Amino acid sequence: MEMEKRISLELRNKTPAEVAELVVDNCRSSDGEVEGLSDDYKELEFLSMVNVGLTSLAKLPSLPKLLKLEISDNMIVGGLDQLSEKCPNLTYLNLSGNKIKELSTVKPLQNLKNLKSLDLYSCEITTLEDYRESVFELLPQVTFLDGYDHEDNEVPDSEADDDDDDDHTAGPTRDGDDDEDEDDEGSEGEEVGLSYLMKDGIQDEEDDDDYVEEEEEEDGVGVQGEKRKRDTEDEGDDSDGDAD
């Protein structure tokens, strides 16, 4: 698909002034130049034109808010001075897989004062002796070259940072689960203790009932004894009367 047609499709009923990100990878430039873009894309912050057959950046429009530019896997050999003129606020530039051979080719990037990350993977320039040291010296504003800083520390992975945040977020939840488990164990303990107390209470009641029954039996025996005693006394009185 031609680049101009692809860009019109990517607008998705928006005006150029409303577009902040634009990806037109793997389409085709008919003459090796940027096509379909204009100064109307004044709000554009991210532009990706990977593998579109670019040989020049001469027709790149003015994009004052552009921060990230992906133009890898093209056939650009020079003309990078266009970038400082058209995209002065770039912080990230990917030129990997282009036809860049000499340090002098990237020297115009000195004018990109905000440039922090530069990728030149698979460019012939990377085969030069002391390539990394030379580029860092030439472009002191650049922090990361081909994904690593001057001390070979890798570019921080924002996705990994997000995962860590998720882990920190998940931490209290797991602790909460432990608290719930402890609460459950405590509840079970309370239930067991309550059951035990109730059982003891039932046993005490049964013991009390047995004691009451024993008292009643003792009372019954006492009553019968008193009755026999009275009967004996009555018989004695009757005997005395007959003797008289």
C-alpha atoms as a PDB file:
ATOM      1  CA  MET A   1       0.000   0.000   0.000  1.00  0.00           C
ATOM      2  CA  GLU A   2       1.262   3.483  -0.798  1.00  0.00           C
ATOM      3  CA  MET A   3       2.261   5.647   2.141  1.00  0.00           C
ATOM      4  CA  GLU A   4      -0.151   8.476   1.390  1.00  0.00           C
ATOM      5  CA  LYS A   5      -3.137   6.101   1.234  1.00  0.00           C
ATOM      6  CA  ARG A   6      -2.044   4.351   4.395  1.00  0.00           C
ATOM      7  CA  ILE A   7      -1.811   7.623   6.283  1.00  0.00           C
ATOM      8  CA  SER A   8      -5.300   8.645   5.172  1.00  0.00           C
ATOM      9  CA  LEU A   9      -6.647   5.319   6.462  1.00  0.00           C
ATOM     10  CA  GLU A  10      -4.857   5.729   9.788  1.00  0.00           C
ATOM     11  CA  LEU A  11      -6.593   9.050  10.378  1.00  0.00           C
ATOM     12  CA  ARG A  12      -9.811   7.156  11.195  1.00  0.00           C
ATOM     13  CA  ASN A  13     -12.075  10.170  10.699  1.00  0.00           C
ATOM     14  CA  LYS A  14      -9.763  12.479  12.644  1.00  0.00           C
ATOM     15  CA  THR A  15      -8.213  15.647  11.373  1.00  0.00           C
ATOM     16  CA  PRO A  16      -4.390  15.739  11.156  1.00  0.00           C
ATOM     17  CA  ALA A  17      -4.321  18.230  14.032  1.00  0.00           C
ATOM     18  CA  GLU A  18      -5.996  15.658  16.320  1.00  0.00           C
ATOM     19  CA  VAL A  19      -3.444  12.881  15.743  1.00  0.00           C
ATOM     20  CA  ALA A  20      -0.810  12.297  18.453  1.00  0.00           C
ATOM     21  CA  GLU A  21       0.469   8.890  17.272  1.00  0.00           C
ATOM     22  CA  LEU A  22       0.867   7.610  13.733  1.00  0.00           C
ATOM     23  CA  VAL A  23       2.159   4.189  12.644  1.00  0.00           C
ATOM     24  CA  VAL A  24       2.519   3.453   8.924  1.00  0.00           C
ATOM     25  CA  ASP A  25       5.044   0.601   9.011  1.00  0.00           C
ATOM     26  CA  ASN A  26       5.560  -1.625   5.963  1.00  0.00           C
ATOM     27  CA  CYS A  27       3.725   0.551   3.489  1.00  0.00           C
ATOM     28  CA  ARG A  28       5.635   1.911   0.467  1.00  0.00           C
ATOM     29  CA  SER A  29       7.052   5.284  -0.492  1.00  0.00           C
ATOM     30  CA  SER A  30       6.868   5.678  -4.251  1.00  0.00           C
ATOM     31  CA  ASP A  31       9.990   7.829  -4.565  1.00  0.00           C
ATOM     32  CA  GLY A  32      11.868   7.212  -1.311  1.00  0.00           C
ATOM     33  CA  GLU A  33      10.497  10.409   0.238  1.00  0.00           C
ATOM     34  CA  VAL A  34       8.022  11.028   3.066  1.00  0.00           C
ATOM     35  CA  GLU A  35       4.535  11.243   1.555  1.00  0.00           C
ATOM     36  CA  GLY A  36       1.121  12.170   2.931  1.00  0.00           C
ATOM     37  CA  LEU A  37       2.389  14.152   5.935  1.00  0.00           C
ATOM     38  CA  SER A  38       2.085  17.899   6.288  1.00  0.00           C
ATOM     39  CA  ASP A  39       2.608  20.681   8.800  1.00  0.00           C
ATOM     40  CA  ASP A  40      -1.007  20.105   9.883  1.00  0.00           C
ATOM     41  CA  TYR A  41       0.182  17.231  12.093  1.00  0.00           C
ATOM     42  CA  LYS A  42       1.283  19.752  14.672  1.00  0.00           C
ATOM     43  CA  GLU A  43       0.221  17.612  17.667  1.00  0.00           C
ATOM     44  CA  LEU A  44       2.067  14.490  16.537  1.00  0.00           C
ATOM     45  CA  GLU A  45       4.290  13.060  19.280  1.00  0.00           C
ATOM     46  CA  PHE A  46       5.068   9.567  17.963  1.00  0.00           C
ATOM     47  CA  LEU A  47       5.736   8.647  14.328  1.00  0.00           C
ATOM     48  CA  SER A  48       6.728   5.201  13.035  1.00  0.00           C
ATOM     49  CA  MET A  49       7.719   4.650   9.402  1.00  0.00           C
ATOM     50  CA  VAL A  50       9.550   1.316   9.595  1.00  0.00           C
ATOM     51  CA  ASN A  51      10.443  -0.436   6.331  1.00  0.00           C
ATOM     52  CA  VAL A  52       8.731   1.962   3.962  1.00  0.00           C
ATOM     53  CA  GLY A  53      11.606   2.453   1.485  1.00  0.00           C
ATOM     54  CA  LEU A  54      12.794   5.878   2.655  1.00  0.00           C
ATOM     55  CA  THR A  55      16.050   7.171   1.194  1.00  0.00           C
ATOM     56  CA  SER A  56      15.677  10.788   2.288  1.00  0.00           C
ATOM     57  CA  LEU A  57      14.078  12.934   4.994  1.00  0.00           C
ATOM     58  CA  ALA A  58      13.977  16.078   2.862  1.00  0.00           C
ATOM     59  CA  LYS A  59      10.170  16.105   2.653  1.00  0.00           C
ATOM     60  CA  LEU A  60       9.568  15.495   6.343  1.00  0.00           C
ATOM     61  CA  PRO A  61       7.172  18.264   7.496  1.00  0.00           C
ATOM     62  CA  SER A  62       7.667  20.430  10.557  1.00  0.00           C
ATOM     63  CA  LEU A  63       6.621  18.401  13.604  1.00  0.00           C
ATOM     64  CA  PRO A  64       7.453  20.588  16.624  1.00  0.00           C
ATOM     65  CA  LYS A  65       5.926  18.251  19.229  1.00  0.00           C
ATOM     66  CA  LEU A  66       7.400  15.017  17.897  1.00  0.00           C
ATOM     67  CA  LEU A  67       9.249  13.144  20.649  1.00  0.00           C
ATOM     68  CA  LYS A  68       9.786   9.664  19.192  1.00  0.00           C
ATOM     69  CA  LEU A  69      10.676   8.786  15.617  1.00  0.00           C
ATOM     70  CA  GLU A  70      10.976   5.209  14.326  1.00  0.00           C
ATOM     71  CA  ILE A  71      12.526   5.040  10.841  1.00  0.00           C
ATOM     72  CA  SER A  72      14.432   1.752  11.016  1.00  0.00           C
ATOM     73  CA  ASP A  73      14.907  -0.688   8.130  1.00  0.00           C
ATOM     74  CA  ASN A  74      14.983   1.957   5.426  1.00  0.00           C
ATOM     75  CA  MET A  75      17.760   3.082   3.058  1.00  0.00           C
ATOM     76  CA  ILE A  76      18.708   6.439   4.549  1.00  0.00           C
ATOM     77  CA  VAL A  77      22.345   7.352   3.948  1.00  0.00           C
ATOM     78  CA  GLY A  78      22.443  10.898   5.352  1.00  0.00           C
ATOM     79  CA  GLY A  79      20.581  14.174   5.510  1.00  0.00           C
ATOM     80  CA  LEU A  80      19.988  13.891   9.251  1.00  0.00           C
ATOM     81  CA  ASP A  81      20.303  17.650   9.599  1.00  0.00           C
ATOM     82  CA  GLN A  82      16.630  17.727   8.556  1.00  0.00           C
ATOM     83  CA  LEU A  83      15.704  16.255  11.916  1.00  0.00           C
ATOM     84  CA  SER A  84      16.993  19.140  14.019  1.00  0.00           C
ATOM     85  CA  GLU A  85      15.192  21.567  11.727  1.00  0.00           C
ATOM     86  CA  LYS A  86      11.861  19.716  11.519  1.00  0.00           C
ATOM     87  CA  CYS A  87      11.744  17.826  14.847  1.00  0.00           C
ATOM     88  CA  PRO A  88      13.794  19.851  17.350  1.00  0.00           C
ATOM     89  CA  ASN A  89      12.291  18.175  20.435  1.00  0.00           C
ATOM     90  CA  LEU A  90      13.092  14.556  19.632  1.00  0.00           C
ATOM     91  CA  THR A  91      14.059  12.435  22.650  1.00  0.00           C
ATOM     92  CA  TYR A  92      14.170   9.034  20.915  1.00  0.00           C
ATOM     93  CA  LEU A  93      15.417   8.187  17.413  1.00  0.00           C
ATOM     94  CA  ASN A  94      15.653   4.736  15.851  1.00  0.00           C
ATOM     95  CA  LEU A  95      17.824   4.585  12.721  1.00  0.00           C
ATOM     96  CA  SER A  96      18.591   0.859  12.902  1.00  0.00           C
ATOM     97  CA  GLY A  97      19.005  -1.004   9.646  1.00  0.00           C
ATOM     98  CA  ASN A  98      19.793   2.031   7.497  1.00  0.00           C
ATOM     99  CA  LYS A  99      22.854   2.798   5.320  1.00  0.00           C
ATOM    100  CA  ILE A 100      24.715   4.925   7.853  1.00  0.00           C
ATOM    101  CA  LYS A 101      28.455   4.295   7.670  1.00  0.00           C
ATOM    102  CA  GLU A 102      30.385   7.223   9.130  1.00  0.00           C
ATOM    103  CA  LEU A 103      30.412   9.215  12.350  1.00  0.00           C
ATOM    104  CA  SER A 104      30.159  12.372  10.289  1.00  0.00           C
ATOM    105  CA  THR A 105      26.694  11.228   9.178  1.00  0.00           C
ATOM    106  CA  VAL A 106      25.295  11.345  12.711  1.00  0.00           C
ATOM    107  CA  LYS A 107      27.137  14.544  13.713  1.00  0.00           C
ATOM    108  CA  PRO A 108      24.126  16.772  12.822  1.00  0.00           C
ATOM    109  CA  LEU A 109      22.252  15.071  15.663  1.00  0.00           C
ATOM    110  CA  GLN A 110      24.275  17.264  18.020  1.00  0.00           C
ATOM    111  CA  ASN A 111      21.615  19.886  17.433  1.00  0.00           C
ATOM    112  CA  LEU A 112      18.931  17.641  18.939  1.00  0.00           C
ATOM    113  CA  LYS A 113      19.508  18.893  22.467  1.00  0.00           C
ATOM    114  CA  ASN A 114      16.812  16.669  24.030  1.00  0.00           C
ATOM    115  CA  LEU A 115      17.895  13.440  22.351  1.00  0.00           C
ATOM    116  CA  LYS A 116      18.362  10.780  25.038  1.00  0.00           C
ATOM    117  CA  SER A 117      18.128   7.490  23.174  1.00  0.00           C
ATOM    118  CA  LEU A 118      19.620   6.616  19.767  1.00  0.00           C
ATOM    119  CA  ASP A 119      19.512   3.235  18.010  1.00  0.00           C
ATOM    120  CA  LEU A 120      21.891   2.384  15.182  1.00  0.00           C
ATOM    121  CA  TYR A 121      21.614  -1.414  15.196  1.00  0.00           C
ATOM    122  CA  SER A 122      22.600  -3.120  11.947  1.00  0.00           C
ATOM    123  CA  CYS A 123      24.085   0.045  10.486  1.00  0.00           C
ATOM    124  CA  GLU A 124      27.598  -0.211   9.091  1.00  0.00           C
ATOM    125  CA  ILE A 125      28.729   2.494  11.501  1.00  0.00           C
ATOM    126  CA  THR A 126      28.532  -0.047  14.339  1.00  0.00           C
ATOM    127  CA  THR A 127      31.525  -1.918  12.882  1.00  0.00           C
ATOM    128  CA  LEU A 128      33.861   1.029  13.427  1.00  0.00           C
ATOM    129  CA  GLU A 129      36.557   0.659  16.070  1.00  0.00           C
ATOM    130  CA  ASP A 130      35.516   2.253  19.366  1.00  0.00           C
ATOM    131  CA  TYR A 131      32.101   2.868  17.871  1.00  0.00           C
ATOM    132  CA  ARG A 132      30.230   3.326  21.154  1.00  0.00           C
ATOM    133  CA  GLU A 133      32.842   5.527  22.791  1.00  0.00           C
ATOM    134  CA  SER A 134      33.036   7.681  19.689  1.00  0.00           C
ATOM    135  CA  VAL A 135      29.278   8.195  19.438  1.00  0.00           C
ATOM    136  CA  PHE A 136      28.933   9.060  23.134  1.00  0.00           C
ATOM    137  CA  GLU A 137      31.752  11.564  22.764  1.00  0.00           C
ATOM    138  CA  LEU A 138      30.234  13.053  19.631  1.00  0.00           C
ATOM    139  CA  LEU A 139      26.711  13.216  21.096  1.00  0.00           C
ATOM    140  CA  PRO A 140      27.121  13.947  24.821  1.00  0.00           C
ATOM    141  CA  GLN A 141      23.383  14.536  25.293  1.00  0.00           C
ATOM    142  CA  VAL A 142      22.640  10.889  24.381  1.00  0.00           C
ATOM    143  CA  THR A 143      22.210   8.626  27.421  1.00  0.00           C
ATOM    144  CA  PHE A 144      21.401   5.327  25.697  1.00  0.00           C
ATOM    145  CA  LEU A 145      22.975   3.985  22.512  1.00  0.00           C
ATOM    146  CA  ASP A 146      21.519   0.776  21.065  1.00  0.00           C
ATOM    147  CA  GLY A 147      19.689   0.121  24.318  1.00  0.00           C
ATOM    148  CA  TYR A 148      22.616   0.628  26.731  1.00  0.00           C
ATOM    149  CA  ASP A 149      24.238   3.573  28.446  1.00  0.00           C
ATOM    150  CA  HIS A 150      27.963   4.391  28.525  1.00  0.00           C
ATOM    151  CA  GLU A 151      28.454   1.919  31.411  1.00  0.00           C
ATOM    152  CA  ASP A 152      26.548  -0.851  29.610  1.00  0.00           C
ATOM    153  CA  ASN A 153      23.447  -0.512  31.775  1.00  0.00           C
ATOM    154  CA  GLU A 154      20.322  -1.482  29.893  1.00  0.00           C
ATOM    155  CA  VAL A 155      17.498   0.931  29.195  1.00  0.00           C
ATOM    156  CA  PRO A 156      14.976   0.656  32.042  1.00  0.00           C
ATOM    157  CA  ASP A 157      12.046  -1.520  31.056  1.00  0.00           C
ATOM    158  CA  SER A 158       8.870   0.402  31.808  1.00  0.00           C
ATOM    159  CA  GLU A 159       6.794  -2.793  31.500  1.00  0.00           C
ATOM    160  CA  ALA A 160       8.929  -4.456  34.158  1.00  0.00           C
ATOM    161  CA  ASP A 161       8.410  -1.435  36.409  1.00  0.00           C
ATOM    162  CA  ASP A 162       4.618  -1.826  35.915  1.00  0.00           C
ATOM    163  CA  ASP A 163       4.822  -5.464  36.899  1.00  0.00           C
ATOM    164  CA  ASP A 164       6.705  -4.516  40.068  1.00  0.00           C
ATOM    165  CA  ASP A 165       4.008  -2.001  40.880  1.00  0.00           C
ATOM    166  CA  ASP A 166       1.426  -4.725  40.384  1.00  0.00           C
ATOM    167  CA  ASP A 167       3.352  -6.957  42.759  1.00  0.00           C
ATOM    168  CA  HIS A 168       3.451  -4.205  45.376  1.00  0.00           C
ATOM    169  CA  THR A 169      -0.262  -3.661  44.868  1.00  0.00           C
ATOM    170  CA  ALA A 170      -0.962  -7.348  45.189  1.00  0.00           C
ATOM    171  CA  GLY A 171       1.072  -7.619  48.411  1.00  0.00           C
ATOM    172  CA  PRO A 172      -1.497  -6.177  50.824  1.00  0.00           C
ATOM    173  CA  THR A 173      -4.162  -8.359  49.230  1.00  0.00           C
ATOM    174  CA  ARG A 174      -2.183 -11.480  50.003  1.00  0.00           C
ATOM    175  CA  ASP A 175      -1.633 -10.243  53.566  1.00  0.00           C
ATOM    176  CA  GLY A 176      -5.337  -9.635  53.788  1.00  0.00           C
ATOM    177  CA  ASP A 177      -5.938 -13.241  52.775  1.00  0.00           C
ATOM    178  CA  ASP A 178      -3.642 -14.363  55.575  1.00  0.00           C
ATOM    179  CA  ASP A 179      -5.584 -12.211  57.989  1.00  0.00           C
ATOM    180  CA  GLU A 180      -8.782 -13.791  56.748  1.00  0.00           C
ATOM    181  CA  ASP A 181      -7.295 -17.244  57.269  1.00  0.00           C
ATOM    182  CA  GLU A 182      -6.281 -16.255  60.776  1.00  0.00           C
ATOM    183  CA  ASP A 183      -9.778 -14.922  61.381  1.00  0.00           C
ATOM    184  CA  ASP A 184     -11.233 -18.197  60.122  1.00  0.00           C
ATOM    185  CA  GLU A 185      -8.936 -20.163  62.398  1.00  0.00           C
ATOM    186  CA  GLY A 186      -9.897 -17.893  65.266  1.00  0.00           C
ATOM    187  CA  SER A 187     -13.585 -18.421  64.503  1.00  0.00           C
ATOM    188  CA  GLU A 188     -13.113 -22.167  64.403  1.00  0.00           C
ATOM    189  CA  GLY A 189     -11.288 -21.986  67.730  1.00  0.00           C
ATOM    190  CA  GLU A 190     -14.103 -19.948  69.212  1.00  0.00           C
ATOM    191  CA  GLU A 191     -16.657 -22.430  67.900  1.00  0.00           C
ATOM    192  CA  VAL A 192     -14.741 -25.368  69.362  1.00  0.00           C
ATOM    193  CA  GLY A 193     -14.366 -23.550  72.664  1.00  0.00           C
ATOM    194  CA  LEU A 194     -18.059 -22.699  72.686  1.00  0.00           C
ATOM    195  CA  SER A 195     -18.991 -26.298  71.917  1.00  0.00           C
ATOM    196  CA  TYR A 196     -16.733 -27.467  74.721  1.00  0.00           C
ATOM    197  CA  LEU A 197     -18.265 -25.053  77.177  1.00  0.00           C
ATOM    198  CA  MET A 198     -21.762 -26.031  76.103  1.00  0.00           C
ATOM    199  CA  LYS A 199     -20.837 -29.682  76.531  1.00  0.00           C
ATOM    200  CA  ASP A 200     -19.504 -28.946  79.998  1.00  0.00           C
ATOM    201  CA  GLY A 201     -22.674 -27.056  80.746  1.00  0.00           C
ATOM    202  CA  ILE A 202     -24.813 -29.990  79.608  1.00  0.00           C
ATOM    203  CA  GLN A 203     -22.710 -32.371  81.706  1.00  0.00           C
ATOM    204  CA  ASP A 204     -23.058 -30.084  84.728  1.00  0.00           C
ATOM    205  CA  GLU A 205     -26.814 -30.039  84.239  1.00  0.00           C
ATOM    206  CA  GLU A 206     -26.866 -33.836  84.034  1.00  0.00           C
ATOM    207  CA  ASP A 207     -24.785 -34.036  87.225  1.00  0.00           C
ATOM    208  CA  ASP A 208     -27.184 -31.624  88.908  1.00  0.00           C
ATOM    209  CA  ASP A 209     -30.123 -33.775  87.819  1.00  0.00           C
ATOM    210  CA  ASP A 210     -28.460 -36.866  89.278  1.00  0.00           C
ATOM    211  CA  TYR A 211     -27.840 -35.016  92.535  1.00  0.00           C
ATOM    212  CA  VAL A 212     -31.457 -33.906  92.690  1.00  0.00           C
ATOM    213  CA  GLU A 213     -32.635 -37.484  92.082  1.00  0.00           C
ATOM    214  CA  GLU A 214     -30.345 -38.757  94.842  1.00  0.00           C
ATOM    215  CA  GLU A 215     -31.708 -36.124  97.218  1.00  0.00           C
ATOM    216  CA  GLU A 216     -35.229 -37.107  96.285  1.00  0.00           C
ATOM    217  CA  GLU A 217     -34.442 -40.756  96.920  1.00  0.00           C
ATOM    218  CA  GLU A 218     -32.887 -39.876 100.262  1.00  0.00           C
ATOM    219  CA  ASP A 219     -35.922 -37.784 101.111  1.00  0.00           C
ATOM    220  CA  GLY A 220     -38.140 -40.711 100.144  1.00  0.00           C
ATOM    221  CA  VAL A 221     -36.207 -43.079 102.405  1.00  0.00           C
ATOM    222  CA  GLY A 222     -36.426 -40.585 105.257  1.00  0.00           C
ATOM    223  CA  VAL A 223     -40.164 -40.220 104.851  1.00  0.00           C
ATOM    224  CA  GLN A 224     -40.664 -43.973 104.860  1.00  0.00           C
ATOM    225  CA  GLY A 225     -38.529 -44.258 108.010  1.00  0.00           C
ATOM    226  CA  GLU A 226     -40.561 -41.617 109.764  1.00  0.00           C
ATOM    227  CA  LYS A 227     -43.742 -43.428 108.753  1.00  0.00           C
ATOM    228  CA  ARG A 228     -42.517 -46.762 110.106  1.00  0.00           C
ATOM    229  CA  LYS A 229     -41.471 -45.032 113.338  1.00  0.00           C
ATOM    230  CA  ARG A 230     -44.922 -43.518 113.774  1.00  0.00           C
ATOM    231  CA  ASP A 231     -46.573 -46.843 113.029  1.00  0.00           C
ATOM    232  CA  THR A 232     -44.438 -48.533 115.692  1.00  0.00           C
ATOM    233  CA  GLU A 233     -45.312 -45.895 118.238  1.00  0.00           C
ATOM    234  CA  ASP A 234     -49.006 -46.303 117.457  1.00  0.00           C
ATOM    235  CA  GLU A 235     -48.765 -50.046 117.908  1.00  0.00           C
ATOM    236  CA  GLY A 236     -47.088 -49.460 121.292  1.00  0.00           C
ATOM    237  CA  ASP A 237     -49.881 -47.174 122.388  1.00  0.00           C
ATOM    238  CA  ASP A 238     -52.481 -49.761 121.381  1.00  0.00           C
ATOM    239  CA  SER A 239     -50.692 -52.447 123.430  1.00  0.00           C
ATOM    240  CA  ASP A 240     -50.642 -50.274 126.491  1.00  0.00           C
ATOM    241  CA  GLY A 241     -54.343 -49.661 126.169  1.00  0.00           C
ATOM    242  CA  ASP A 242     -55.173 -53.331 125.950  1.00  0.00           C
ATOM    243  CA  ALA A 243     -53.125 -54.017 129.105  1.00  0.00           C
ATOM    244  CA  ASP A 244     -55.144 -51.519 131.014  1.00  0.00           C
END
